[in-house]
Amino acid sequence: MAKTSPAEFIKQVQTETRKIAWPTRRETIMTGVMVMIMTTLLGSFFLGIDSLFDMIVNALLRLAQ
Protein backbone atom coordinates (compact mmCIF):
# COMPACT_ATOMS: atom_id res chain seq x y z
CA MET A 1 0.00 0.00 0.00
CA ALA A 2 1.39 3.40 -0.97
CA LYS A 3 2.12 5.92 1.77
CA THR A 4 0.09 9.14 1.72
CA SER A 5 1.66 12.41 2.75
CA PRO A 6 -0.09 14.39 5.51
CA ALA A 7 -0.97 17.17 3.06
CA GLU A 8 -2.52 14.67 0.63
CA PHE A 9 -4.43 13.05 3.49
CA ILE A 10 -5.92 16.42 4.54
CA LYS A 11 -6.89 17.11 0.92
CA GLN A 12 -8.62 13.72 0.68
CA VAL A 13 -10.47 14.30 3.95
CA GLN A 14 -11.72 17.68 2.73
CA THR A 15 -12.85 16.13 -0.56
CA GLU A 16 -14.77 13.38 1.24
CA THR A 17 -16.28 15.87 3.72
CA ARG A 18 -17.78 17.86 0.83
CA LYS A 19 -19.62 14.69 -0.31
CA ILE A 20 -21.53 14.38 2.97
CA ALA A 21 -25.26 15.06 2.69
CA TRP A 22 -25.84 16.99 5.92
CA PRO A 23 -29.42 16.90 7.29
CA THR A 24 -31.44 20.07 7.45
CA ARG A 25 -32.35 21.66 10.78
CA ARG A 26 -35.92 20.36 10.41
CA GLU A 27 -34.72 16.79 9.74
CA THR A 28 -32.44 16.93 12.78
CA ILE A 29 -35.23 18.18 15.05
CA MET A 30 -37.70 15.59 13.72
CA THR A 31 -35.18 12.80 14.23
CA GLY A 32 -34.51 13.98 17.79
CA VAL A 33 -38.24 14.08 18.56
CA MET A 34 -38.70 10.57 17.15
CA VAL A 35 -35.80 9.29 19.27
CA MET A 36 -37.37 10.79 22.39
CA ILE A 37 -40.78 9.28 21.57
CA MET A 38 -39.33 5.83 20.87
CA THR A 39 -37.18 5.96 24.02
CA THR A 40 -40.24 6.85 26.10
CA LEU A 41 -42.33 4.06 24.51
CA LEU A 42 -39.61 1.45 24.99
CA GLY A 43 -38.97 2.60 28.56
CA SER A 44 -42.68 2.27 29.35
CA PHE A 45 -42.85 -1.13 27.68
CA PHE A 46 -39.89 -2.51 29.63
CA LEU A 47 -41.22 -1.00 32.87
CA GLY A 48 -44.49 -2.86 32.28
CA ILE A 49 -42.76 -6.15 31.44
CA ASP A 50 -40.46 -5.81 34.47
CA SER A 51 -43.42 -5.08 36.75
CA LEU A 52 -45.29 -8.09 35.38
CA PHE A 53 -42.34 -10.41 35.97
CA ASP A 54 -41.88 -8.92 39.44
CA MET A 55 -45.48 -9.75 40.31
CA ILE A 56 -45.13 -13.30 38.94
CA VAL A 57 -41.90 -13.97 40.87
CA ASN A 58 -43.34 -12.54 44.08
CA ALA A 59 -46.49 -14.68 43.68
CA LEU A 60 -44.37 -17.80 43.14
CA LEU A 61 -42.20 -16.98 46.15
CA ARG A 62 -45.32 -16.52 48.32
CA LEU A 63 -46.53 -19.95 47.20
CA ALA A 64 -43.20 -21.51 48.15
CA GLN A 65 -43.41 -20.33 51.77
PDB file of N, CA and C in Angstrom:
ATOM      1  N   MET A   1       0.840  -1.168   0.000  1.00  0.00           N
ATOM      2  CA  MET A   1       0.000   0.000   0.000  1.00  0.00           C
ATOM      3  C   MET A   1       0.892   1.241   0.000  1.00  0.00           C
ATOM      4  N   ALA A   2       0.591   2.191  -0.852  1.00  0.00           N
ATOM      5  CA  ALA A   2       1.392   3.403  -0.970  1.00  0.00           C
ATOM      6  C   ALA A   2       1.150   4.315   0.219  1.00  0.00           C
ATOM      7  N   LYS A   3       2.226   4.961   0.662  1.00  0.00           N
ATOM      8  CA  LYS A   3       2.116   5.919   1.770  1.00  0.00           C
ATOM      9  C   LYS A   3       1.520   7.222   1.243  1.00  0.00           C
ATOM     10  N   THR A   4       0.705   7.859   2.074  1.00  0.00           N
ATOM     11  CA  THR A   4       0.094   9.140   1.717  1.00  0.00           C
ATOM     12  C   THR A   4       0.701  10.219   2.592  1.00  0.00           C
ATOM     13  N   SER A   5       1.076  11.314   1.978  1.00  0.00           N
ATOM     14  CA  SER A   5       1.656  12.412   2.754  1.00  0.00           C
ATOM     15  C   SER A   5       0.552  13.069   3.584  1.00  0.00           C
ATOM     16  N   PRO A   6       0.927  13.719   4.681  1.00  0.00           N
ATOM     17  CA  PRO A   6      -0.086  14.391   5.511  1.00  0.00           C
ATOM     18  C   PRO A   6      -0.898  15.423   4.734  1.00  0.00           C
ATOM     19  N   ALA A   7      -0.257  16.166   3.845  1.00  0.00           N
ATOM     20  CA  ALA A   7      -0.975  17.169   3.063  1.00  0.00           C
ATOM     21  C   ALA A   7      -1.999  16.504   2.142  1.00  0.00           C
ATOM     22  N   GLU A   8      -1.604  15.400   1.511  1.00  0.00           N
ATOM     23  CA  GLU A   8      -2.524  14.670   0.628  1.00  0.00           C
ATOM     24  C   GLU A   8      -3.690  14.080   1.432  1.00  0.00           C
ATOM     25  N   PHE A   9      -3.382  13.598   2.623  1.00  0.00           N
ATOM     26  CA  PHE A   9      -4.427  13.051   3.490  1.00  0.00           C
ATOM     27  C   PHE A   9      -5.462  14.124   3.831  1.00  0.00           C
ATOM     28  N   ILE A  10      -5.011  15.319   4.209  1.00  0.00           N
ATOM     29  CA  ILE A  10      -5.917  16.419   4.538  1.00  0.00           C
ATOM     30  C   ILE A  10      -6.769  16.767   3.328  1.00  0.00           C
ATOM     31  N   LYS A  11      -6.167  16.799   2.157  1.00  0.00           N
ATOM     32  CA  LYS A  11      -6.895  17.114   0.923  1.00  0.00           C
ATOM     33  C   LYS A  11      -7.982  16.062   0.660  1.00  0.00           C
ATOM     34  N   GLN A  12      -7.642  14.791   0.878  1.00  0.00           N
ATOM     35  CA  GLN A  12      -8.624  13.716   0.678  1.00  0.00           C
ATOM     36  C   GLN A  12      -9.766  13.817   1.689  1.00  0.00           C
ATOM     37  N   VAL A  13      -9.440  14.147   2.918  1.00  0.00           N
ATOM     38  CA  VAL A  13     -10.472  14.295   3.951  1.00  0.00           C
ATOM     39  C   VAL A  13     -11.422  15.430   3.584  1.00  0.00           C
ATOM     40  N   GLN A  14     -10.881  16.552   3.134  1.00  0.00           N
ATOM     41  CA  GLN A  14     -11.720  17.681   2.735  1.00  0.00           C
ATOM     42  C   GLN A  14     -12.619  17.306   1.557  1.00  0.00           C
ATOM     43  N   THR A  15     -12.066  16.564   0.599  1.00  0.00           N
ATOM     44  CA  THR A  15     -12.852  16.130  -0.560  1.00  0.00           C
ATOM     45  C   THR A  15     -14.008  15.231  -0.119  1.00  0.00           C
ATOM     46  N   GLU A  16     -13.725  14.291   0.765  1.00  0.00           N
ATOM     47  CA  GLU A  16     -14.767  13.382   1.241  1.00  0.00           C
ATOM     48  C   GLU A  16     -15.800  14.118   2.095  1.00  0.00           C
ATOM     49  N   THR A  17     -15.365  15.104   2.874  1.00  0.00           N
ATOM     50  CA  THR A  17     -16.281  15.868   3.717  1.00  0.00           C
ATOM     51  C   THR A  17     -17.286  16.639   2.870  1.00  0.00           C
ATOM     52  N   ARG A  18     -16.863  17.128   1.712  1.00  0.00           N
ATOM     53  CA  ARG A  18     -17.780  17.860   0.825  1.00  0.00           C
ATOM     54  C   ARG A  18     -18.875  16.954   0.269  1.00  0.00           C
ATOM     55  N   LYS A  19     -18.644  15.640   0.233  1.00  0.00           N
ATOM     56  CA  LYS A  19     -19.621  14.689  -0.314  1.00  0.00           C
ATOM     57  C   LYS A  19     -20.735  14.362   0.678  1.00  0.00           C
ATOM     58  N   ILE A  20     -20.549  14.719   1.940  1.00  0.00           N
ATOM     59  CA  ILE A  20     -21.530  14.376   2.972  1.00  0.00           C
ATOM     60  C   ILE A  20     -22.826  15.145   2.733  1.00  0.00           C
ATOM     61  N   ALA A  21     -23.949  14.430   2.808  1.00  0.00           N
ATOM     62  CA  ALA A  21     -25.261  15.064   2.694  1.00  0.00           C
ATOM     63  C   ALA A  21     -25.743  15.381   4.110  1.00  0.00           C
ATOM     64  N   TRP A  22     -25.482  16.602   4.575  1.00  0.00           N
ATOM     65  CA  TRP A  22     -25.841  16.992   5.922  1.00  0.00           C
ATOM     66  C   TRP A  22     -27.355  17.182   6.028  1.00  0.00           C
ATOM     67  N   PRO A  23     -27.967  16.718   7.131  1.00  0.00           N
ATOM     68  CA  PRO A  23     -29.416  16.900   7.290  1.00  0.00           C
ATOM     69  C   PRO A  23     -29.760  18.365   7.545  1.00  0.00           C
ATOM     70  N   THR A  24     -30.977  18.708   7.182  1.00  0.00           N
ATOM     71  CA  THR A  24     -31.438  20.068   7.447  1.00  0.00           C
ATOM     72  C   THR A  24     -31.773  20.195   8.932  1.00  0.00           C
ATOM     73  N   ARG A  25     -31.991  21.420   9.375  1.00  0.00           N
ATOM     74  CA  ARG A  25     -32.353  21.662  10.778  1.00  0.00           C
ATOM     75  C   ARG A  25     -33.651  20.940  11.107  1.00  0.00           C
ATOM     76  N   ARG A  26     -34.616  21.013  10.198  1.00  0.00           N
ATOM     77  CA  ARG A  26     -35.917  20.356  10.409  1.00  0.00           C
ATOM     78  C   ARG A  26     -35.749  18.840  10.540  1.00  0.00           C
ATOM     79  N   GLU A  27     -34.948  18.238   9.677  1.00  0.00           N
ATOM     80  CA  GLU A  27     -34.721  16.787   9.744  1.00  0.00           C
ATOM     81  C   GLU A  27     -34.062  16.406  11.066  1.00  0.00           C
ATOM     82  N   THR A  28     -33.122  17.212  11.515  1.00  0.00           N
ATOM     83  CA  THR A  28     -32.438  16.928  12.780  1.00  0.00           C
ATOM     84  C   THR A  28     -33.403  17.011  13.953  1.00  0.00           C
ATOM     85  N   ILE A  29     -34.251  18.026  13.961  1.00  0.00           N
ATOM     86  CA  ILE A  29     -35.229  18.178  15.047  1.00  0.00           C
ATOM     87  C   ILE A  29     -36.231  17.026  15.024  1.00  0.00           C
ATOM     88  N   MET A  30     -36.732  16.679  13.828  1.00  0.00           N
ATOM     89  CA  MET A  30     -37.704  15.587  13.720  1.00  0.00           C
ATOM     90  C   MET A  30     -37.096  14.262  14.174  1.00  0.00           C
ATOM     91  N   THR A  31     -35.853  14.023  13.806  1.00  0.00           N
ATOM     92  CA  THR A  31     -35.182  12.799  14.226  1.00  0.00           C
ATOM     93  C   THR A  31     -35.023  12.775  15.747  1.00  0.00           C
ATOM     94  N   GLY A  32     -34.652  13.905  16.330  1.00  0.00           N
ATOM     95  CA  GLY A  32     -34.513  13.985  17.786  1.00  0.00           C
ATOM     96  C   GLY A  32     -35.827  13.730  18.503  1.00  0.00           C
ATOM     97  N   VAL A  33     -36.911  14.300  17.966  1.00  0.00           N
ATOM     98  CA  VAL A  33     -38.236  14.084  18.561  1.00  0.00           C
ATOM     99  C   VAL A  33     -38.620  12.605  18.463  1.00  0.00           C
ATOM    100  N   MET A  34     -38.374  11.992  17.311  1.00  0.00           N
ATOM    101  CA  MET A  34     -38.704  10.570  17.145  1.00  0.00           C
ATOM    102  C   MET A  34     -37.896   9.698  18.107  1.00  0.00           C
ATOM    103  N   VAL A  35     -36.630  10.043  18.318  1.00  0.00           N
ATOM    104  CA  VAL A  35     -35.801   9.293  19.267  1.00  0.00           C
ATOM    105  C   VAL A  35     -36.378   9.407  20.669  1.00  0.00           C
ATOM    106  N   MET A  36     -36.796  10.603  21.060  1.00  0.00           N
ATOM    107  CA  MET A  36     -37.372  10.792  22.392  1.00  0.00           C
ATOM    108  C   MET A  36     -38.674  10.006  22.546  1.00  0.00           C
ATOM    109  N   ILE A  37     -39.512  10.021  21.517  1.00  0.00           N
ATOM    110  CA  ILE A  37     -40.779   9.276  21.567  1.00  0.00           C
ATOM    111  C   ILE A  37     -40.508   7.776  21.682  1.00  0.00           C
ATOM    112  N   MET A  38     -39.614   7.266  20.843  1.00  0.00           N
ATOM    113  CA  MET A  38     -39.333   5.830  20.875  1.00  0.00           C
ATOM    114  C   MET A  38     -38.683   5.417  22.197  1.00  0.00           C
ATOM    115  N   THR A  39     -37.816   6.267  22.730  1.00  0.00           N
ATOM    116  CA  THR A  39     -37.184   5.964  24.015  1.00  0.00           C
ATOM    117  C   THR A  39     -38.234   5.900  25.123  1.00  0.00           C
ATOM    118  N   THR A  40     -39.176   6.834  25.106  1.00  0.00           N
ATOM    119  CA  THR A  40     -40.244   6.847  26.102  1.00  0.00           C
ATOM    120  C   THR A  40     -41.127   5.599  25.967  1.00  0.00           C
ATOM    121  N   LEU A  41     -41.501   5.254  24.732  1.00  0.00           N
ATOM    122  CA  LEU A  41     -42.327   4.064  24.512  1.00  0.00           C
ATOM    123  C   LEU A  41     -41.613   2.791  24.963  1.00  0.00           C
ATOM    124  N   LEU A  42     -40.352   2.652  24.588  1.00  0.00           N
ATOM    125  CA  LEU A  42     -39.612   1.454  24.991  1.00  0.00           C
ATOM    126  C   LEU A  42     -39.398   1.407  26.499  1.00  0.00           C
ATOM    127  N   GLY A  43     -39.122   2.556  27.107  1.00  0.00           N
ATOM    128  CA  GLY A  43     -38.972   2.599  28.562  1.00  0.00           C
ATOM    129  C   GLY A  43     -40.250   2.171  29.268  1.00  0.00           C
ATOM    130  N   SER A  44     -41.387   2.659  28.765  1.00  0.00           N
ATOM    131  CA  SER A  44     -42.683   2.274  29.353  1.00  0.00           C
ATOM    132  C   SER A  44     -42.955   0.791  29.151  1.00  0.00           C
ATOM    133  N   PHE A  45     -42.644   0.289  27.966  1.00  0.00           N
ATOM    134  CA  PHE A  45     -42.850  -1.132  27.677  1.00  0.00           C
ATOM    135  C   PHE A  45     -42.031  -2.002  28.633  1.00  0.00           C
ATOM    136  N   PHE A  46     -40.742  -1.688  28.773  1.00  0.00           N
ATOM    137  CA  PHE A  46     -39.892  -2.505  29.629  1.00  0.00           C
ATOM    138  C   PHE A  46     -40.244  -2.342  31.108  1.00  0.00           C
ATOM    139  N   LEU A  47     -40.731  -1.173  31.501  1.00  0.00           N
ATOM    140  CA  LEU A  47     -41.216  -1.002  32.868  1.00  0.00           C
ATOM    141  C   LEU A  47     -42.409  -1.919  33.114  1.00  0.00           C
ATOM    142  N   GLY A  48     -43.331  -1.978  32.150  1.00  0.00           N
ATOM    143  CA  GLY A  48     -44.494  -2.860  32.277  1.00  0.00           C
ATOM    144  C   GLY A  48     -44.103  -4.328  32.330  1.00  0.00           C
ATOM    145  N   ILE A  49     -43.207  -4.751  31.458  1.00  0.00           N
ATOM    146  CA  ILE A  49     -42.760  -6.151  31.443  1.00  0.00           C
ATOM    147  C   ILE A  49     -42.043  -6.485  32.750  1.00  0.00           C
ATOM    148  N   ASP A  50     -41.184  -5.580  33.221  1.00  0.00           N
ATOM    149  CA  ASP A  50     -40.457  -5.806  34.467  1.00  0.00           C
ATOM    150  C   ASP A  50     -41.422  -5.901  35.648  1.00  0.00           C
ATOM    151  N   SER A  51     -42.422  -5.044  35.668  1.00  0.00           N
ATOM    152  CA  SER A  51     -43.415  -5.083  36.753  1.00  0.00           C
ATOM    153  C   SER A  51     -44.207  -6.381  36.713  1.00  0.00           C
ATOM    154  N   LEU A  52     -44.563  -6.831  35.527  1.00  0.00           N
ATOM    155  CA  LEU A  52     -45.287  -8.091  35.376  1.00  0.00           C
ATOM    156  C   LEU A  52     -44.467  -9.266  35.905  1.00  0.00           C
ATOM    157  N   PHE A  53     -43.195  -9.325  35.498  1.00  0.00           N
ATOM    158  CA  PHE A  53     -42.338 -10.415  35.974  1.00  0.00           C
ATOM    159  C   PHE A  53     -42.113 -10.323  37.474  1.00  0.00           C
ATOM    160  N   ASP A  54     -42.034  -9.107  38.003  1.00  0.00           N
ATOM    161  CA  ASP A  54     -41.875  -8.924  39.442  1.00  0.00           C
ATOM    162  C   ASP A  54     -43.073  -9.503  40.190  1.00  0.00           C
ATOM    163  N   MET A  55     -44.273  -9.221  39.678  1.00  0.00           N
ATOM    164  CA  MET A  55     -45.482  -9.754  40.307  1.00  0.00           C
ATOM    165  C   MET A  55     -45.509 -11.279  40.238  1.00  0.00           C
ATOM    166  N   ILE A  56     -45.131 -11.840  39.103  1.00  0.00           N
ATOM    167  CA  ILE A  56     -45.125 -13.302  38.941  1.00  0.00           C
ATOM    168  C   ILE A  56     -44.135 -13.944  39.903  1.00  0.00           C
ATOM    169  N   VAL A  57     -42.921 -13.396  39.983  1.00  0.00           N
ATOM    170  CA  VAL A  57     -41.901 -13.967  40.867  1.00  0.00           C
ATOM    171  C   VAL A  57     -42.340 -13.848  42.323  1.00  0.00           C
ATOM    172  N   ASN A  58     -42.871 -12.707  42.704  1.00  0.00           N
ATOM    173  CA  ASN A  58     -43.342 -12.541  44.084  1.00  0.00           C
ATOM    174  C   ASN A  58     -44.475 -13.514  44.404  1.00  0.00           C
ATOM    175  N   ALA A  59     -45.393 -13.733  43.473  1.00  0.00           N
ATOM    176  CA  ALA A  59     -46.493 -14.682  43.682  1.00  0.00           C
ATOM    177  C   ALA A  59     -45.941 -16.101  43.848  1.00  0.00           C
ATOM    178  N   LEU A  60     -44.961 -16.464  43.027  1.00  0.00           N
ATOM    179  CA  LEU A  60     -44.374 -17.801  43.142  1.00  0.00           C
ATOM    180  C   LEU A  60     -43.606 -17.959  44.456  1.00  0.00           C
ATOM    181  N   LEU A  61     -42.930 -16.896  44.880  1.00  0.00           N
ATOM    182  CA  LEU A  61     -42.204 -16.983  46.150  1.00  0.00           C
ATOM    183  C   LEU A  61     -43.166 -17.084  47.330  1.00  0.00           C
ATOM    184  N   ARG A  62     -44.323 -16.394  47.244  1.00  0.00           N
ATOM    185  CA  ARG A  62     -45.322 -16.515  48.324  1.00  0.00           C
ATOM    186  C   ARG A  62     -45.873 -17.944  48.384  1.00  0.00           C
ATOM    187  N   LEU A  63     -46.041 -18.571  47.226  1.00  0.00           N
ATOM    188  CA  LEU A  63     -46.533 -19.953  47.198  1.00  0.00           C
ATOM    189  C   LEU A  63     -45.529 -20.918  47.800  1.00  0.00           C
ATOM    190  N   ALA A  64     -44.252 -20.618  47.668  1.00  0.00           N
ATOM    191  CA  ALA A  64     -43.200 -21.513  48.150  1.00  0.00           C
ATOM    192  C   ALA A  64     -43.030 -21.464  49.674  1.00  0.00           C
ATOM    193  N   GLN A  65     -43.589 -20.444  50.307  1.00  0.00           N
ATOM    194  CA  GLN A  65     -43.406 -20.327  51.772  1.00  0.00           C
ATOM    195  C   GLN A  65     -44.342 -21.213  52.521  1.00  0.00           C
TER     196      GLN A  65
END
